[in-house]
Amino acid sequence: MKKEETDLLKRCGTENPFTVPEGYFERFTEQLMEQLPEREAQPAPKLTLWTRVKPWVYMAAMFCGLMLSVRMFVGEKQSQSPTATPETTDFTEVPDEYIDPIVNQTMMDDYTLYQYLTDADTEIYK
């Protein structure tokens, strides 16, 4: 690899073949600006109330559509008896399959859960 580089340097030399005319960059910006065509000043577009409010309306419509689509696909769980109200629901009839994941997420061992249940205020359960 080194031999190839030395051969190239011998043939081409180390002199930079590219040159710029004397004083080229001194007036470069002025010459460029003179060559550009003149542009007419355009009046600023008139801002109406709708153009200012339009992004907010679009964003609100997007969130409404998102909520409706989630509600449509997920849906609401229907109660088993149509006459049951939240005040009359008996919580002792909740099956263990619903309670076990909740207890597992609390990360309580059996003793801590027992202690919590025995120290709890019994007035809230009446």
Protein backbone atom coordinates (compact mmCIF):
# COMPACT_ATOMS: atom_id res chain seq x y z
CA MET A 1 0.00 0.00 0.00
CA LYS A 2 2.80 2.37 0.83
CA LYS A 3 4.52 1.68 -2.52
CA GLU A 4 1.34 2.58 -4.44
CA GLU A 5 1.10 5.90 -2.64
CA THR A 6 4.70 6.82 -3.37
CA ASP A 7 4.26 5.91 -7.05
CA LEU A 8 1.21 8.17 -7.28
CA LEU A 9 3.01 11.02 -5.56
CA LYS A 10 5.92 10.71 -7.99
CA ARG A 11 3.65 10.81 -11.03
CA CYS A 12 1.23 13.55 -9.88
CA GLY A 13 3.27 15.50 -7.37
CA THR A 14 2.06 17.14 -4.19
CA GLU A 15 1.03 20.48 -5.70
CA ASN A 16 -2.65 21.41 -5.50
CA PRO A 17 -3.95 21.63 -9.10
CA PHE A 18 -6.97 23.77 -8.18
CA THR A 19 -6.62 27.55 -8.09
CA VAL A 20 -9.00 30.46 -7.59
CA PRO A 21 -8.60 33.79 -9.40
CA GLU A 22 -7.05 36.59 -7.35
CA GLY A 23 -9.65 38.55 -5.30
CA TYR A 24 -12.51 36.19 -6.21
CA PHE A 25 -14.01 35.95 -2.72
CA GLU A 26 -13.65 39.65 -1.85
CA ARG A 27 -16.71 40.73 -3.86
CA PHE A 28 -18.42 37.36 -4.15
CA THR A 29 -21.53 38.23 -2.12
CA GLU A 30 -22.06 41.59 -3.87
CA GLN A 31 -21.77 39.97 -7.31
CA LEU A 32 -24.15 37.19 -6.37
CA MET A 33 -26.77 39.62 -5.03
CA GLU A 34 -26.53 41.69 -8.22
CA GLN A 35 -27.22 38.64 -10.36
CA LEU A 36 -30.34 37.62 -8.44
CA PRO A 37 -33.65 38.93 -9.87
CA GLU A 38 -35.60 41.44 -7.83
CA ARG A 39 -38.56 39.95 -6.03
CA GLU A 40 -41.71 41.87 -5.30
CA ALA A 41 -42.77 42.06 -1.69
CA GLN A 42 -45.81 39.89 -1.17
CA PRO A 43 -48.36 40.97 1.40
CA ALA A 44 -48.69 38.75 4.44
CA PRO A 45 -51.67 36.40 4.28
CA LYS A 46 -54.70 37.65 6.19
CA LEU A 47 -55.16 35.69 9.40
CA THR A 48 -58.77 34.98 10.17
CA LEU A 49 -60.25 33.50 13.30
CA TRP A 50 -60.73 30.17 11.54
CA THR A 51 -57.07 29.93 10.52
CA ARG A 52 -56.05 30.49 14.13
CA VAL A 53 -58.58 28.06 15.63
CA LYS A 54 -58.36 25.36 12.93
CA PRO A 55 -55.43 23.38 14.47
CA TRP A 56 -57.21 23.23 17.84
CA VAL A 57 -60.47 22.09 16.26
CA TYR A 58 -58.65 19.38 14.31
CA MET A 59 -56.87 18.20 17.45
CA ALA A 60 -60.14 18.08 19.43
CA ALA A 61 -61.81 16.13 16.61
CA MET A 62 -58.90 13.69 16.58
CA PHE A 63 -59.20 13.03 20.32
CA CYS A 64 -62.98 12.61 20.08
CA GLY A 65 -62.57 10.13 17.25
CA LEU A 66 -59.91 8.27 19.22
CA MET A 67 -62.13 8.04 22.29
CA LEU A 68 -65.12 6.86 20.28
CA SER A 69 -63.10 4.23 18.42
CA VAL A 70 -61.60 2.90 21.66
CA ARG A 71 -65.03 2.80 23.23
CA MET A 72 -66.45 1.00 20.21
CA PHE A 73 -63.70 -1.64 20.04
CA VAL A 74 -63.23 -2.16 23.77
CA GLY A 75 -66.85 -1.62 24.73
CA GLU A 76 -68.33 -1.49 28.16
CA LYS A 77 -68.93 -4.53 30.32
CA GLN A 78 -72.60 -5.10 30.85
CA SER A 79 -73.82 -6.10 34.27
CA GLN A 80 -75.36 -9.53 34.66
CA SER A 81 -78.66 -8.24 35.97
CA PRO A 82 -80.03 -5.06 34.42
CA THR A 83 -81.68 -3.98 37.69
CA ALA A 84 -78.52 -4.18 39.79
CA THR A 85 -77.16 -0.84 40.93
CA PRO A 86 -73.73 -0.14 42.43
CA GLU A 87 -75.30 0.40 45.86
CA THR A 88 -76.87 -3.08 45.95
CA THR A 89 -73.92 -5.05 44.59
CA ASP A 90 -72.79 -7.70 47.05
CA PHE A 91 -69.00 -7.78 47.11
CA THR A 92 -68.86 -11.13 48.88
CA GLU A 93 -69.91 -12.81 45.64
CA VAL A 94 -66.83 -11.70 43.71
CA PRO A 95 -65.13 -14.87 42.43
CA ASP A 96 -61.55 -15.65 43.37
CA GLU A 97 -60.40 -15.40 39.76
CA TYR A 98 -60.83 -11.61 40.03
CA ILE A 99 -59.39 -11.28 43.52
CA ASP A 100 -56.23 -13.35 43.02
CA PRO A 101 -54.63 -11.08 40.37
CA ILE A 102 -55.40 -8.02 42.51
CA VAL A 103 -53.83 -9.57 45.60
CA ASN A 104 -50.81 -10.69 43.57
CA GLN A 105 -50.27 -7.13 42.30
CA THR A 106 -50.22 -5.76 45.85
CA MET A 107 -47.12 -7.90 46.48
CA MET A 108 -48.25 -8.73 50.03
CA ASP A 109 -47.36 -11.98 51.64
CA ASP A 110 -50.03 -13.91 53.54
CA TYR A 111 -49.09 -12.51 56.95
CA THR A 112 -49.16 -8.88 55.74
CA LEU A 113 -52.53 -9.43 54.10
CA TYR A 114 -53.90 -11.05 57.27
CA GLN A 115 -52.58 -8.20 59.37
CA TYR A 116 -54.13 -5.64 57.02
CA LEU A 117 -57.52 -7.34 57.07
CA THR A 118 -57.62 -7.78 60.86
CA ASP A 119 -56.45 -4.22 61.59
CA ALA A 120 -58.82 -2.67 59.05
CA ASP A 121 -61.75 -0.59 60.19
CA THR A 122 -64.82 -2.79 60.01
CA GLU A 123 -67.16 0.20 59.70
CA ILE A 124 -66.34 0.60 56.02
CA TYR A 125 -67.61 -2.91 55.26
CA LYS A 126 -71.13 -2.34 56.61
